[in-house]
Amino acid sequence: MDVLHVDLKERRNALIVSLSGSAGVAGADHLERAVRLVKVRRPRRLIIDLAGLSFIASLGLGMLIALSAAIKSDGGTVRFASASPAIAGVIKRCRLEAVLPVYATVDDAMNG
């Protein structure tokens, strides 16, 4: 089973959260801890890099939607970047493109 890894780093006045591995039910606790940490930091700009994500369950999608809503309600902006075709397909099938806008690359998300 692919383990979920979360990496946080600052870049050009944005917090970039890179997800890799599987955001399935087994990784839910790890993702929840990362979401809480990001909320506490209250970034003005948040980029969630999905490049290394191989799978995301509905529970993980729900956490990312809640995180996005929390940051936006605090006046911040949230963008998603570099989703694989499989992850982009999940977002599209769930009709979440308006809530989880996905940019081709992290640089596109930073500049968009």
C-alpha atoms as a PDB file:
ATOM      1  CA  MET A   1       0.000   0.000   0.000  1.00  0.00           C
ATOM      2  CA  ASP A   2       1.250   3.450  -0.924  1.00  0.00           C
ATOM      3  CA  VAL A   3       1.751   5.672   2.124  1.00  0.00           C
ATOM      4  CA  LEU A   4       0.682   9.321   2.070  1.00  0.00           C
ATOM      5  CA  HIS A   5       3.477  11.872   2.353  1.00  0.00           C
ATOM      6  CA  VAL A   6       2.883  15.565   2.968  1.00  0.00           C
ATOM      7  CA  ASP A   7       5.560  18.215   2.506  1.00  0.00           C
ATOM      8  CA  LEU A   8       5.062  21.899   3.369  1.00  0.00           C
ATOM      9  CA  LYS A   9       7.319  24.664   2.120  1.00  0.00           C
ATOM     10  CA  GLU A  10       7.203  28.418   1.613  1.00  0.00           C
ATOM     11  CA  ARG A  11       7.838  29.836  -1.843  1.00  0.00           C
ATOM     12  CA  ARG A  12       7.274  33.379  -3.099  1.00  0.00           C
ATOM     13  CA  ASN A  13       4.745  34.331  -0.417  1.00  0.00           C
ATOM     14  CA  ALA A  14       2.802  31.089  -0.749  1.00  0.00           C
ATOM     15  CA  LEU A  15       2.576  27.919   1.265  1.00  0.00           C
ATOM     16  CA  ILE A  16       2.971  24.898  -0.988  1.00  0.00           C
ATOM     17  CA  VAL A  17       1.596  21.600   0.273  1.00  0.00           C
ATOM     18  CA  SER A  18       2.896  18.673  -1.783  1.00  0.00           C
ATOM     19  CA  LEU A  19       0.950  15.428  -1.500  1.00  0.00           C
ATOM     20  CA  SER A  20       2.414  12.141  -2.673  1.00  0.00           C
ATOM     21  CA  GLY A  21       1.362   8.547  -2.359  1.00  0.00           C
ATOM     22  CA  SER A  22      -2.167   7.482  -1.541  1.00  0.00           C
ATOM     23  CA  ALA A  23      -4.761   9.651   0.195  1.00  0.00           C
ATOM     24  CA  GLY A  24      -6.977   6.690   0.893  1.00  0.00           C
ATOM     25  CA  VAL A  25      -8.691   5.827   4.133  1.00  0.00           C
ATOM     26  CA  ALA A  26      -5.408   4.537   5.594  1.00  0.00           C
ATOM     27  CA  GLY A  27      -3.816   7.967   5.090  1.00  0.00           C
ATOM     28  CA  ALA A  28      -6.774   9.960   6.408  1.00  0.00           C
ATOM     29  CA  ASP A  29      -5.267  10.630   9.844  1.00  0.00           C
ATOM     30  CA  HIS A  30      -2.039  11.878   8.299  1.00  0.00           C
ATOM     31  CA  LEU A  31      -3.909  14.140   5.882  1.00  0.00           C
ATOM     32  CA  GLU A  32      -6.119  15.442   8.684  1.00  0.00           C
ATOM     33  CA  ARG A  33      -3.058  16.408  10.768  1.00  0.00           C
ATOM     34  CA  ALA A  34      -1.565  18.218   7.772  1.00  0.00           C
ATOM     35  CA  VAL A  35      -4.843  20.062   7.132  1.00  0.00           C
ATOM     36  CA  ARG A  36      -4.956  21.214  10.760  1.00  0.00           C
ATOM     37  CA  LEU A  37      -1.356  22.428  10.566  1.00  0.00           C
ATOM     38  CA  VAL A  38      -2.091  24.401   7.394  1.00  0.00           C
ATOM     39  CA  LYS A  39      -5.216  25.967   8.936  1.00  0.00           C
ATOM     40  CA  VAL A  40      -3.200  27.126  11.963  1.00  0.00           C
ATOM     41  CA  ARG A  41      -0.644  28.779   9.668  1.00  0.00           C
ATOM     42  CA  ARG A  42      -3.455  30.743   7.941  1.00  0.00           C
ATOM     43  CA  PRO A  43      -1.624  31.206   4.625  1.00  0.00           C
ATOM     44  CA  ARG A  44      -2.721  34.045   2.346  1.00  0.00           C
ATOM     45  CA  ARG A  45      -1.859  31.907  -0.680  1.00  0.00           C
ATOM     46  CA  LEU A  46      -2.054  28.132  -0.599  1.00  0.00           C
ATOM     47  CA  ILE A  47      -0.969  25.879  -3.448  1.00  0.00           C
ATOM     48  CA  ILE A  48      -1.707  22.174  -3.127  1.00  0.00           C
ATOM     49  CA  ASP A  49       0.634  20.204  -5.387  1.00  0.00           C
ATOM     50  CA  LEU A  50      -0.995  16.929  -6.412  1.00  0.00           C
ATOM     51  CA  ALA A  51       1.814  15.736  -8.713  1.00  0.00           C
ATOM     52  CA  GLY A  52       2.825  12.780  -6.573  1.00  0.00           C
ATOM     53  CA  LEU A  53      -0.677  11.738  -5.530  1.00  0.00           C
ATOM     54  CA  SER A  54      -1.584   8.298  -6.872  1.00  0.00           C
ATOM     55  CA  PHE A  55      -5.050   7.958  -5.293  1.00  0.00           C
ATOM     56  CA  ILE A  56      -7.549  10.050  -3.350  1.00  0.00           C
ATOM     57  CA  ALA A  57     -10.634   8.754  -1.567  1.00  0.00           C
ATOM     58  CA  SER A  58     -13.791  10.786  -1.044  1.00  0.00           C
ATOM     59  CA  LEU A  59     -12.692  11.365   2.555  1.00  0.00           C
ATOM     60  CA  GLY A  60      -9.504  13.033   1.312  1.00  0.00           C
ATOM     61  CA  LEU A  61     -11.434  15.122  -1.210  1.00  0.00           C
ATOM     62  CA  GLY A  62     -13.722  16.261   1.585  1.00  0.00           C
ATOM     63  CA  MET A  63     -10.753  17.329   3.691  1.00  0.00           C
ATOM     64  CA  LEU A  64      -9.282  19.341   0.810  1.00  0.00           C
ATOM     65  CA  ILE A  65     -12.642  21.004   0.146  1.00  0.00           C
ATOM     66  CA  ALA A  66     -12.970  21.910   3.837  1.00  0.00           C
ATOM     67  CA  LEU A  67      -9.399  23.243   3.895  1.00  0.00           C
ATOM     68  CA  SER A  68     -10.058  25.323   0.792  1.00  0.00           C
ATOM     69  CA  ALA A  69     -13.237  26.760   2.313  1.00  0.00           C
ATOM     70  CA  ALA A  70     -11.461  27.616   5.582  1.00  0.00           C
ATOM     71  CA  ILE A  71      -8.595  29.421   3.832  1.00  0.00           C
ATOM     72  CA  LYS A  72     -10.990  31.295   1.527  1.00  0.00           C
ATOM     73  CA  SER A  73     -13.232  32.336   4.418  1.00  0.00           C
ATOM     74  CA  ASP A  74     -10.126  33.828   6.049  1.00  0.00           C
ATOM     75  CA  GLY A  75      -9.433  35.894   2.911  1.00  0.00           C
ATOM     76  CA  GLY A  76      -6.848  33.599   1.370  1.00  0.00           C
ATOM     77  CA  THR A  77      -6.611  31.989  -2.048  1.00  0.00           C
ATOM     78  CA  VAL A  78      -6.274  28.287  -2.774  1.00  0.00           C
ATOM     79  CA  ARG A  79      -5.130  26.623  -5.963  1.00  0.00           C
ATOM     80  CA  PHE A  80      -4.460  23.012  -6.856  1.00  0.00           C
ATOM     81  CA  ALA A  81      -1.682  22.034  -9.250  1.00  0.00           C
ATOM     82  CA  SER A  82      -0.159  19.200 -11.235  1.00  0.00           C
ATOM     83  CA  ALA A  83      -2.885  16.591 -10.869  1.00  0.00           C
ATOM     84  CA  SER A  84      -2.248  13.358 -12.729  1.00  0.00           C
ATOM     85  CA  PRO A  85      -4.904  12.395 -15.284  1.00  0.00           C
ATOM     86  CA  ALA A  86      -6.361   9.928 -12.761  1.00  0.00           C
ATOM     87  CA  ILE A  87      -6.687  12.517  -9.971  1.00  0.00           C
ATOM     88  CA  ALA A  88      -7.951  15.195 -12.385  1.00  0.00           C
ATOM     89  CA  GLY A  89     -10.520  12.652 -13.579  1.00  0.00           C
ATOM     90  CA  VAL A  90     -11.765  12.077 -10.038  1.00  0.00           C
ATOM     91  CA  ILE A  91     -12.147  15.820  -9.503  1.00  0.00           C
ATOM     92  CA  LYS A  92     -14.016  16.144 -12.796  1.00  0.00           C
ATOM     93  CA  ARG A  93     -16.298  13.128 -12.197  1.00  0.00           C
ATOM     94  CA  CYS A  94     -17.226  14.580  -8.808  1.00  0.00           C
ATOM     95  CA  ARG A  95     -17.941  17.929 -10.523  1.00  0.00           C
ATOM     96  CA  LEU A  96     -15.520  19.731  -8.227  1.00  0.00           C
ATOM     97  CA  GLU A  97     -13.626  21.811 -10.812  1.00  0.00           C
ATOM     98  CA  ALA A  98     -15.208  25.056  -9.531  1.00  0.00           C
ATOM     99  CA  VAL A  99     -14.299  24.242  -5.932  1.00  0.00           C
ATOM    100  CA  LEU A 100     -10.903  22.681  -6.638  1.00  0.00           C
ATOM    101  CA  PRO A 101      -9.447  24.575  -9.617  1.00  0.00           C
ATOM    102  CA  VAL A 102      -6.489  22.596 -10.941  1.00  0.00           C
ATOM    103  CA  TYR A 103      -3.611  24.322 -12.736  1.00  0.00           C
ATOM    104  CA  ALA A 104      -1.169  22.448 -14.962  1.00  0.00           C
ATOM    105  CA  THR A 105       1.874  23.247 -12.797  1.00  0.00           C
ATOM    106  CA  VAL A 106       2.747  24.828  -9.462  1.00  0.00           C
ATOM    107  CA  ASP A 107       4.204  27.808 -11.352  1.00  0.00           C
ATOM    108  CA  ASP A 108       0.910  28.247 -13.250  1.00  0.00           C
ATOM    109  CA  ALA A 109      -0.975  28.149  -9.949  1.00  0.00           C
ATOM    110  CA  MET A 110       1.393  30.698  -8.429  1.00  0.00           C
ATOM    111  CA  ASN A 111       0.932  33.052 -11.380  1.00  0.00           C
ATOM    112  CA  GLY A 112      -2.750  32.389 -12.108  1.00  0.00           C
END
